[in-house]
C-alpha atoms as a PDB file:
ATOM      1  CA  MET A   1      58.385  38.740  71.634  1.00  0.00           C
ATOM      2  CA  PRO A   2      57.852  42.414  72.608  1.00  0.00           C
ATOM      3  CA  ASP A   3      59.996  43.810  75.369  1.00  0.00           C
ATOM      4  CA  GLN A   4      58.545  44.020  78.855  1.00  0.00           C
ATOM      5  CA  THR A   5      58.309  47.757  79.429  1.00  0.00           C
ATOM      6  CA  THR A   6      56.352  50.310  81.420  1.00  0.00           C
ATOM      7  CA  ASP A   7      52.680  49.329  81.731  1.00  0.00           C
ATOM      8  CA  PRO A   8      50.752  51.482  79.198  1.00  0.00           C
ATOM      9  CA  ALA A   9      47.981  51.727  81.792  1.00  0.00           C
ATOM     10  CA  ASP A  10      50.349  53.791  83.994  1.00  0.00           C
ATOM     11  CA  LEU A  11      50.835  56.266  81.102  1.00  0.00           C
ATOM     12  CA  ARG A  12      47.148  57.238  80.872  1.00  0.00           C
ATOM     13  CA  GLY A  13      45.492  59.712  83.172  1.00  0.00           C
ATOM     14  CA  ASP A  14      43.639  58.141  86.088  1.00  0.00           C
ATOM     15  CA  CYS A  15      41.619  61.034  87.529  1.00  0.00           C
ATOM     16  CA  ALA A  16      40.403  58.888  90.447  1.00  0.00           C
ATOM     17  CA  GLN A  17      44.014  58.798  91.746  1.00  0.00           C
ATOM     18  CA  CYS A  18      44.693  62.453  91.126  1.00  0.00           C
ATOM     19  CA  PHE A  19      43.749  65.633  92.975  1.00  0.00           C
ATOM     20  CA  GLY A  20      42.685  67.521  89.782  1.00  0.00           C
ATOM     21  CA  LEU A  21      46.176  68.824  89.177  1.00  0.00           C
ATOM     22  CA  CYS A  22      45.606  69.619  85.496  1.00  0.00           C
ATOM     23  CA  CYS A  23      42.547  71.690  86.479  1.00  0.00           C
ATOM     24  CA  VAL A  24      44.654  73.817  88.842  1.00  0.00           C
ATOM     25  CA  ALA A  25      48.271  73.812  87.820  1.00  0.00           C
ATOM     26  CA  LEU A  26      47.864  74.648  84.106  1.00  0.00           C
ATOM     27  CA  PRO A  27      46.798  77.963  82.651  1.00  0.00           C
ATOM     28  CA  PHE A  28      44.401  78.373  79.709  1.00  0.00           C
ATOM     29  CA  ALA A  29      43.307  81.299  77.612  1.00  0.00           C
ATOM     30  CA  ARG A  30      39.834  82.072  76.256  1.00  0.00           C
ATOM     31  CA  SER A  31      39.712  80.684  72.852  1.00  0.00           C
ATOM     32  CA  ALA A  32      38.053  78.030  70.614  1.00  0.00           C
ATOM     33  CA  ASP A  33      39.359  75.485  73.150  1.00  0.00           C
ATOM     34  CA  PHE A  34      38.465  77.226  76.432  1.00  0.00           C
ATOM     35  CA  ALA A  35      35.495  79.415  77.322  1.00  0.00           C
ATOM     36  CA  VAL A  36      37.377  81.521  79.881  1.00  0.00           C
ATOM     37  CA  ASN A  37      40.838  82.619  80.991  1.00  0.00           C
ATOM     38  CA  LYS A  38      42.457  80.829  83.885  1.00  0.00           C
ATOM     39  CA  PRO A  39      45.957  81.501  85.289  1.00  0.00           C
ATOM     40  CA  ALA A  40      48.312  78.748  86.401  1.00  0.00           C
ATOM     41  CA  GLY A  41      47.855  77.691  90.025  1.00  0.00           C
ATOM     42  CA  THR A  42      44.202  78.788  90.144  1.00  0.00           C
ATOM     43  CA  PRO A  43      41.519  76.101  90.363  1.00  0.00           C
ATOM     44  CA  CYS A  44      39.115  75.899  87.400  1.00  0.00           C
ATOM     45  CA  ALA A  45      35.673  77.174  88.391  1.00  0.00           C
ATOM     46  CA  ASN A  46      34.221  73.868  87.278  1.00  0.00           C
ATOM     47  CA  LEU A  47      36.409  71.812  89.662  1.00  0.00           C
ATOM     48  CA  ARG A  48      34.340  70.375  92.515  1.00  0.00           C
ATOM     49  CA  ASP A  49      35.529  69.743  96.090  1.00  0.00           C
ATOM     50  CA  ASP A  50      35.931  66.067  95.277  1.00  0.00           C
ATOM     51  CA  HIS A  51      38.445  66.944  92.519  1.00  0.00           C
ATOM     52  CA  ARG A  52      35.991  65.985  89.759  1.00  0.00           C
ATOM     53  CA  CYS A  53      34.810  68.169  86.908  1.00  0.00           C
ATOM     54  CA  GLY A  54      31.284  69.533  87.434  1.00  0.00           C
ATOM     55  CA  ILE A  55      30.599  69.686  83.669  1.00  0.00           C
ATOM     56  CA  HIS A  56      32.562  66.682  82.534  1.00  0.00           C
ATOM     57  CA  ALA A  57      29.671  65.253  80.414  1.00  0.00           C
ATOM     58  CA  ARG A  58      29.083  68.673  78.773  1.00  0.00           C
ATOM     59  CA  LEU A  59      32.636  70.010  78.295  1.00  0.00           C
ATOM     60  CA  ARG A  60      32.409  70.449  74.541  1.00  0.00           C
ATOM     61  CA  GLN A  61      28.952  71.995  74.700  1.00  0.00           C
ATOM     62  CA  ARG A  62      30.164  74.472  77.343  1.00  0.00           C
ATOM     63  CA  GLY A  63      33.203  75.580  75.353  1.00  0.00           C
ATOM     64  CA  PHE A  64      35.917  73.450  76.976  1.00  0.00           C
ATOM     65  CA  THR A  65      36.971  71.339  74.056  1.00  0.00           C
ATOM     66  CA  GLY A  66      40.613  71.627  75.167  1.00  0.00           C
ATOM     67  CA  CYS A  67      39.841  69.621  78.303  1.00  0.00           C
ATOM     68  CA  THR A  68      38.409  66.710  76.201  1.00  0.00           C
ATOM     69  CA  VAL A  69      41.662  66.648  74.159  1.00  0.00           C
ATOM     70  CA  TYR A  70      44.146  66.748  77.061  1.00  0.00           C
ATOM     71  CA  ASP A  71      45.786  63.749  78.661  1.00  0.00           C
ATOM     72  CA  CYS A  72      48.514  63.910  81.341  1.00  0.00           C
ATOM     73  CA  PHE A  73      50.013  60.531  80.374  1.00  0.00           C
ATOM     74  CA  GLY A  74      49.607  59.386  83.997  1.00  0.00           C
ATOM     75  CA  ALA A  75      51.583  62.276  85.449  1.00  0.00           C
ATOM     76  CA  GLY A  76      48.670  63.385  87.602  1.00  0.00           C
ATOM     77  CA  GLN A  77      48.515  60.183  89.655  1.00  0.00           C
ATOM     78  CA  LYS A  78      52.297  59.948  89.817  1.00  0.00           C
ATOM     79  CA  VAL A  79      52.676  63.424  91.308  1.00  0.00           C
ATOM     80  CA  SER A  80      49.623  63.006  93.578  1.00  0.00           C
ATOM     81  CA  GLN A  81      50.341  59.518  94.908  1.00  0.00           C
ATOM     82  CA  VAL A  82      54.114  59.062  94.545  1.00  0.00           C
ATOM     83  CA  THR A  83      55.902  62.394  94.487  1.00  0.00           C
ATOM     84  CA  PHE A  84      53.784  63.915  97.235  1.00  0.00           C
ATOM     85  CA  GLY A  85      52.622  60.678  98.921  1.00  0.00           C
ATOM     86  CA  GLY A  86      48.877  61.281  98.623  1.00  0.00           C
ATOM     87  CA  GLN A  87      48.974  64.850  99.934  1.00  0.00           C
ATOM     88  CA  ASP A  88      46.015  66.879  98.742  1.00  0.00           C
ATOM     89  CA  TRP A  89      46.953  70.357  97.529  1.00  0.00           C
ATOM     90  CA  ARG A  90      43.805  71.762  99.172  1.00  0.00           C
ATOM     91  CA  THR A  91      44.995  70.848 102.670  1.00  0.00           C
ATOM     92  CA  ALA A  92      48.733  71.157 102.058  1.00  0.00           C
ATOM     93  CA  PRO A  93      50.725  74.256 103.097  1.00  0.00           C
ATOM     94  CA  LYS A  94      50.651  76.925 100.358  1.00  0.00           C
ATOM     95  CA  ASP A  95      54.351  76.534  99.501  1.00  0.00           C
ATOM     96  CA  GLN A  96      53.940  72.771  99.046  1.00  0.00           C
ATOM     97  CA  ALA A  97      50.819  73.243  96.926  1.00  0.00           C
ATOM     98  CA  ARG A  98      52.798  75.603  94.679  1.00  0.00           C
ATOM     99  CA  ARG A  99      55.586  73.021  94.371  1.00  0.00           C
ATOM    100  CA  MET A 100      52.978  70.402  93.260  1.00  0.00           C
ATOM    101  CA  PHE A 101      51.863  72.736  90.539  1.00  0.00           C
ATOM    102  CA  ASP A 102      55.478  73.450  89.482  1.00  0.00           C
ATOM    103  CA  VAL A 103      56.343  69.733  89.412  1.00  0.00           C
ATOM    104  CA  PHE A 104      53.300  68.444  87.547  1.00  0.00           C
ATOM    105  CA  PRO A 105      54.206  69.856  84.071  1.00  0.00           C
ATOM    106  CA  VAL A 106      57.732  68.455  84.484  1.00  0.00           C
ATOM    107  CA  VAL A 107      56.520  64.949  85.242  1.00  0.00           C
ATOM    108  CA  ARG A 108      53.948  65.231  82.435  1.00  0.00           C
ATOM    109  CA  GLN A 109      56.758  65.781  79.941  1.00  0.00           C
ATOM    110  CA  LEU A 110      58.723  62.822  81.341  1.00  0.00           C
ATOM    111  CA  HIS A 111      55.665  60.600  81.128  1.00  0.00           C
ATOM    112  CA  GLU A 112      55.119  61.595  77.488  1.00  0.00           C
ATOM    113  CA  LEU A 113      58.722  60.512  76.847  1.00  0.00           C
ATOM    114  CA  LEU A 114      57.909  57.237  78.606  1.00  0.00           C
ATOM    115  CA  TRP A 115      54.977  56.774  76.242  1.00  0.00           C
ATOM    116  CA  TYR A 116      57.244  57.155  73.177  1.00  0.00           C
ATOM    117  CA  LEU A 117      60.000  54.960  74.573  1.00  0.00           C
ATOM    118  CA  THR A 118      57.555  52.227  75.528  1.00  0.00           C
ATOM    119  CA  GLU A 119      56.103  52.197  72.029  1.00  0.00           C
ATOM    120  CA  ALA A 120      59.560  52.212  70.442  1.00  0.00           C
ATOM    121  CA  LEU A 121      60.506  49.158  72.465  1.00  0.00           C
ATOM    122  CA  ASN A 122      57.553  47.332  70.972  1.00  0.00           C
ATOM    123  CA  LEU A 123      58.498  48.087  67.322  1.00  0.00           C
ATOM    124  CA  PRO A 124      60.336  45.063  65.914  1.00  0.00           C
ATOM    125  CA  ALA A 125      61.927  47.078  63.169  1.00  0.00           C
ATOM    126  CA  ALA A 126      63.824  49.052  65.829  1.00  0.00           C
ATOM    127  CA  ALA A 127      65.286  46.056  67.507  1.00  0.00           C
ATOM    128  CA  SER A 128      68.867  47.191  66.910  1.00  0.00           C
ATOM    129  CA  VAL A 129      68.378  50.217  69.196  1.00  0.00           C
ATOM    130  CA  HIS A 130      66.223  48.444  71.795  1.00  0.00           C
ATOM    131  CA  PRO A 131      69.113  48.213  74.303  1.00  0.00           C
ATOM    132  CA  GLU A 132      69.656  51.971  74.145  1.00  0.00           C
ATOM    133  CA  LEU A 133      65.920  52.621  74.294  1.00  0.00           C
ATOM    134  CA  ARG A 134      65.580  50.388  77.332  1.00  0.00           C
ATOM    135  CA  ARG A 135      68.337  52.317  79.146  1.00  0.00           C
ATOM    136  CA  ALA A 136      66.645  55.562  78.252  1.00  0.00           C
ATOM    137  CA  LEU A 137      63.317  54.342  79.530  1.00  0.00           C
ATOM    138  CA  GLU A 138      64.853  53.200  82.842  1.00  0.00           C
ATOM    139  CA  ARG A 139      66.612  56.509  83.265  1.00  0.00           C
ATOM    140  CA  THR A 140      63.395  58.529  82.433  1.00  0.00           C
ATOM    141  CA  GLU A 141      61.363  56.435  84.832  1.00  0.00           C
ATOM    142  CA  GLY A 142      63.977  57.115  87.486  1.00  0.00           C
ATOM    143  CA  LEU A 143      63.729  60.784  86.888  1.00  0.00           C
ATOM    144  CA  THR A 144      59.994  60.735  87.509  1.00  0.00           C
ATOM    145  CA  ARG A 145      60.633  59.384  90.996  1.00  0.00           C
ATOM    146  CA  ARG A 146      63.025  62.092  92.155  1.00  0.00           C
ATOM    147  CA  SER A 147      62.198  64.503  94.908  1.00  0.00           C
ATOM    148  CA  PRO A 148      60.058  67.586  94.317  1.00  0.00           C
ATOM    149  CA  GLY A 149      63.120  69.785  94.579  1.00  0.00           C
ATOM    150  CA  GLU A 150      65.136  67.722  92.094  1.00  0.00           C
ATOM    151  CA  LEU A 151      62.204  67.632  89.655  1.00  0.00           C
ATOM    152  CA  ALA A 152      61.680  71.364  89.811  1.00  0.00           C
ATOM    153  CA  ALA A 153      65.384  71.884  88.949  1.00  0.00           C
ATOM    154  CA  LEU A 154      65.487  69.273  86.168  1.00  0.00           C
ATOM    155  CA  ASP A 155      66.528  70.337  82.679  1.00  0.00           C
ATOM    156  CA  VAL A 156      63.708  68.522  80.858  1.00  0.00           C
ATOM    157  CA  ALA A 157      64.548  70.069  77.509  1.00  0.00           C
ATOM    158  CA  ALA A 158      68.089  68.591  77.602  1.00  0.00           C
ATOM    159  CA  HIS A 159      66.680  65.134  78.515  1.00  0.00           C
ATOM    160  CA  ARG A 160      64.123  65.345  75.708  1.00  0.00           C
ATOM    161  CA  GLN A 161      66.857  66.083  73.261  1.00  0.00           C
ATOM    162  CA  GLU A 162      68.856  63.031  74.326  1.00  0.00           C
ATOM    163  CA  VAL A 163      65.755  60.798  73.996  1.00  0.00           C
ATOM    164  CA  ASN A 164      64.809  62.398  70.703  1.00  0.00           C
ATOM    165  CA  VAL A 165      68.055  61.175  69.125  1.00  0.00           C
ATOM    166  CA  LEU A 166      66.867  57.593  69.826  1.00  0.00           C
ATOM    167  CA  LEU A 167      63.277  58.188  68.757  1.00  0.00           C
ATOM    168  CA  LEU A 168      64.545  59.653  65.440  1.00  0.00           C
ATOM    169  CA  ARG A 169      66.695  56.596  64.862  1.00  0.00           C
ATOM    170  CA  THR A 170      63.692  54.436  65.647  1.00  0.00           C
ATOM    171  CA  SER A 171      61.641  56.336  63.110  1.00  0.00           C
ATOM    172  CA  GLU A 172      64.268  55.894  60.410  1.00  0.00           C
ATOM    173  CA  LEU A 173      64.363  52.143  60.972  1.00  0.00           C
ATOM    174  CA  VAL A 174      60.598  51.683  61.003  1.00  0.00           C
ATOM    175  CA  ARG A 175      59.981  53.893  57.965  1.00  0.00           C
ATOM    176  CA  ALA A 176      62.768  52.173  56.068  1.00  0.00           C
ATOM    177  CA  GLY A 177      60.778  48.968  56.373  1.00  0.00           C
ATOM    178  CA  ALA A 178      57.771  50.754  54.890  1.00  0.00           C
ATOM    179  CA  ALA A 179      59.754  51.774  51.760  1.00  0.00           C
ATOM    180  CA  GLY A 180      58.547  50.090  48.664  1.00  0.00           C
ATOM    181  CA  LYS A 181      55.190  49.151  50.158  1.00  0.00           C
ATOM    182  CA  GLY A 182      53.380  52.298  49.211  1.00  0.00           C
ATOM    183  CA  LYS A 183      52.424  53.910  45.913  1.00  0.00           C
ATOM    184  CA  GLY A 184      52.645  57.455  44.742  1.00  0.00           C
ATOM    185  CA  LYS A 185      54.996  60.441  45.178  1.00  0.00           C
ATOM    186  CA  SER A 186      54.299  60.957  48.876  1.00  0.00           C
ATOM    187  CA  LYS A 187      55.521  57.556  49.965  1.00  0.00           C
ATOM    188  CA  GLY A 188      58.127  57.833  52.756  1.00  0.00           C
ATOM    189  CA  LYS A 189      58.534  61.545  52.202  1.00  0.00           C
ATOM    190  CA  ASP A 190      60.174  63.667  54.877  1.00  0.00           C
ATOM    191  CA  ARG A 191      57.653  66.329  55.866  1.00  0.00           C
ATOM    192  CA  ARG A 192      59.046  67.185  59.271  1.00  0.00           C
ATOM    193  CA  GLY A 193      57.661  70.498  60.508  1.00  0.00           C
ATOM    194  CA  ALA A 194      55.822  71.073  57.227  1.00  0.00           C
ATOM    195  CA  ASP A 195      53.068  73.706  57.048  1.00  0.00           C
ATOM    196  CA  LEU A 196      50.116  71.585  55.958  1.00  0.00           C
ATOM    197  CA  ILE A 197      47.442  73.660  57.561  1.00  0.00           C
ATOM    198  CA  GLY A 198      44.198  73.096  55.631  1.00  0.00           C
ATOM    199  CA  ALA A 199      46.037  71.001  53.091  1.00  0.00           C
ATOM    200  CA  ARG A 200      43.977  68.922  50.681  1.00  0.00           C
ATOM    201  CA  LEU A 201      45.401  65.462  51.246  1.00  0.00           C
ATOM    202  CA  ARG A 202      42.346  63.414  50.515  1.00  0.00           C
ATOM    203  CA  GLY A 203      43.419  59.898  49.583  1.00  0.00           C
ATOM    204  CA  ALA A 204      47.128  60.898  49.835  1.00  0.00           C
ATOM    205  CA  ASP A 205      49.755  58.127  50.010  1.00  0.00           C
ATOM    206  CA  LEU A 206      51.668  59.034  53.137  1.00  0.00           C
ATOM    207  CA  ARG A 207      52.771  55.545  53.997  1.00  0.00           C
ATOM    208  CA  GLY A 208      56.079  55.570  55.868  1.00  0.00           C
ATOM    209  CA  ALA A 209      56.203  59.392  55.782  1.00  0.00           C
ATOM    210  CA  SER A 210      57.821  61.508  58.483  1.00  0.00           C
ATOM    211  CA  LEU A 211      55.245  64.022  59.724  1.00  0.00           C
ATOM    212  CA  ARG A 212      57.223  64.899  62.897  1.00  0.00           C
ATOM    213  CA  GLY A 213      55.960  68.241  64.091  1.00  0.00           C
ATOM    214  CA  ALA A 214      53.992  68.883  60.946  1.00  0.00           C
ATOM    215  CA  TYR A 215      51.109  71.396  61.089  1.00  0.00           C
ATOM    216  CA  LEU A 216      48.108  69.410  59.885  1.00  0.00           C
ATOM    217  CA  ILE A 217      45.482  71.698  61.450  1.00  0.00           C
ATOM    218  CA  ALA A 218      42.137  71.288  59.583  1.00  0.00           C
ATOM    219  CA  ALA A 219      43.890  69.264  56.831  1.00  0.00           C
ATOM    220  CA  ASP A 220      41.696  67.002  54.775  1.00  0.00           C
ATOM    221  CA  LEU A 221      43.149  63.571  55.224  1.00  0.00           C
ATOM    222  CA  THR A 222      39.971  61.700  54.257  1.00  0.00           C
ATOM    223  CA  GLY A 223      40.902  58.214  53.055  1.00  0.00           C
ATOM    224  CA  ALA A 224      44.632  58.970  53.348  1.00  0.00           C
ATOM    225  CA  ASP A 225      47.124  56.113  53.805  1.00  0.00           C
ATOM    226  CA  LEU A 226      49.120  56.950  56.959  1.00  0.00           C
ATOM    227  CA  ARG A 227      50.300  53.454  57.673  1.00  0.00           C
ATOM    228  CA  GLU A 228      53.739  53.284  59.364  1.00  0.00           C
ATOM    229  CA  ALA A 229      53.978  57.102  59.351  1.00  0.00           C
ATOM    230  CA  ASP A 230      55.823  58.889  62.142  1.00  0.00           C
ATOM    231  CA  LEU A 231      53.374  61.336  63.735  1.00  0.00           C
ATOM    232  CA  ILE A 232      55.338  62.481  66.775  1.00  0.00           C
ATOM    233  CA  GLY A 233      54.365  66.022  67.608  1.00  0.00           C
ATOM    234  CA  ALA A 234      52.089  66.491  64.521  1.00  0.00           C
ATOM    235  CA  ASP A 235      49.338  69.028  65.115  1.00  0.00           C
ATOM    236  CA  LEU A 236      46.116  67.201  64.137  1.00  0.00           C
ATOM    237  CA  ARG A 237      43.616  69.754  65.505  1.00  0.00           C
ATOM    238  CA  ASP A 238      40.442  69.495  63.387  1.00  0.00           C
ATOM    239  CA  ALA A 239      42.234  67.277  60.836  1.00  0.00           C
ATOM    240  CA  ASP A 240      39.710  65.129  59.013  1.00  0.00           C
ATOM    241  CA  LEU A 241      40.773  61.467  59.387  1.00  0.00           C
ATOM    242  CA  THR A 242      37.510  60.029  58.081  1.00  0.00           C
ATOM    243  CA  ASP A 243      38.250  56.643  56.472  1.00  0.00           C
ATOM    244  CA  ALA A 244      42.000  57.276  56.834  1.00  0.00           C
ATOM    245  CA  ASP A 245      44.245  54.240  57.591  1.00  0.00           C
ATOM    246  CA  LEU A 246      46.615  54.846  60.462  1.00  0.00           C
ATOM    247  CA  THR A 247      47.395  51.168  60.999  1.00  0.00           C
ATOM    248  CA  GLY A 248      50.896  50.868  62.213  1.00  0.00           C
ATOM    249  CA  ALA A 249      51.346  54.696  62.543  1.00  0.00           C
ATOM    250  CA  PHE A 250      53.609  55.292  65.454  1.00  0.00           C
ATOM    251  CA  PHE A 251      54.339  57.922  68.122  1.00  0.00           C
ATOM    252  CA  LEU A 252      50.701  58.873  67.833  1.00  0.00           C
ATOM    253  CA  THR A 253      49.226  59.916  71.146  1.00  0.00           C
ATOM    254  CA  GLN A 254      45.662  60.012  72.482  1.00  0.00           C
ATOM    255  CA  PRO A 255      45.574  63.811  72.716  1.00  0.00           C
ATOM    256  CA  GLN A 256      46.456  64.035  68.993  1.00  0.00           C
ATOM    257  CA  VAL A 257      43.651  61.658  68.105  1.00  0.00           C
ATOM    258  CA  ASN A 258      41.214  63.459  70.419  1.00  0.00           C
ATOM    259  CA  ALA A 259      41.972  66.704  68.680  1.00  0.00           C
ATOM    260  CA  ALA A 260      41.215  65.345  65.212  1.00  0.00           C
ATOM    261  CA  ARG A 261      37.941  64.392  63.502  1.00  0.00           C
ATOM    262  CA  GLY A 262      37.169  60.852  62.403  1.00  0.00           C
ATOM    263  CA  GLY A 263      34.531  58.189  62.203  1.00  0.00           C
ATOM    264  CA  ALA A 264      33.774  54.496  62.154  1.00  0.00           C
ATOM    265  CA  GLY A 265      35.851  53.989  59.051  1.00  0.00           C
ATOM    266  CA  THR A 266      39.031  55.459  60.557  1.00  0.00           C
ATOM    267  CA  ARG A 267      41.564  52.721  61.189  1.00  0.00           C
ATOM    268  CA  LEU A 268      43.726  53.455  64.275  1.00  0.00           C
ATOM    269  CA  PRO A 269      46.776  51.753  65.826  1.00  0.00           C
ATOM    270  CA  ALA A 270      46.001  49.677  68.949  1.00  0.00           C
ATOM    271  CA  SER A 271      47.917  52.122  71.126  1.00  0.00           C
ATOM    272  CA  VAL A 272      45.135  54.720  71.035  1.00  0.00           C
ATOM    273  CA  ALA A 273      41.337  54.594  71.639  1.00  0.00           C
ATOM    274  CA  ARG A 274      38.650  55.828  69.311  1.00  0.00           C
ATOM    275  CA  PRO A 275      37.406  59.199  70.748  1.00  0.00           C
ATOM    276  CA  VAL A 276      33.792  59.093  72.072  1.00  0.00           C
ATOM    277  CA  HIS A 277      32.966  62.377  70.382  1.00  0.00           C
ATOM    278  CA  TRP A 278      33.760  60.891  66.943  1.00  0.00           C
ATOM    279  CA  ALA A 279      30.674  58.694  67.252  1.00  0.00           C
ATOM    280  CA  ALA A 280      28.652  61.688  68.444  1.00  0.00           C
ATOM    281  CA  ALA A 281      29.792  63.780  65.518  1.00  0.00           C
ATOM    282  CA  GLY A 282      28.875  61.066  63.064  1.00  0.00           C
END
């Protein structure tokens, strides 16, 4: 039986319970992802008074593709409703509003770690490290509930490094189970941090491969076998996943999938949803 862990629903953005923090706290630069420049702490011009996006249904057409890719992993509602007890930044004192904007990215990183730890605890092949993973999850969850001052002072990078040791061990155990199942030279290969930008990987056998932090921007992965591959931190922007098989791929997040291209034939793990714009593109 899988471990009882953090509810995955709590690790997905719930905009109805947030005060549009990602639309205010985070900066973005004019690029292929954003139509304009916006500094951190300044509300996006498209943010309405009710904290909803005024062009939500037309973000891609209006040049805000980056917004359709982003997900806060539930940090927005945590900061809005728990850390600051439902206080709206619009009506809060300026110094408190600034603290909200400072704390939000910190909690977002912690919630991303909660996502990985929760998934790791549901991977049977990693059962030998489940006790350590469970303790790491409990500690990380505890950190998300600290006071604004404590969160602002938190060394997130150090905590990420501690958690990453466990996630790497999890990866080794899961991918070891995939050894011998695939065919071809790429099977189980370690491609951590590899520069695969625009790579022609159509039909490639990447089963059980480590693609941690790999640059797969605009790579052709049409029909590729990515079953039981570790995709933590892989950059999948504009990667073509048409007819690719990602069944059992792990540490794959919704933002990564949202940034890629795919279609009806793309097989995804149950942990992520098929992006709406894939159907529109097809």
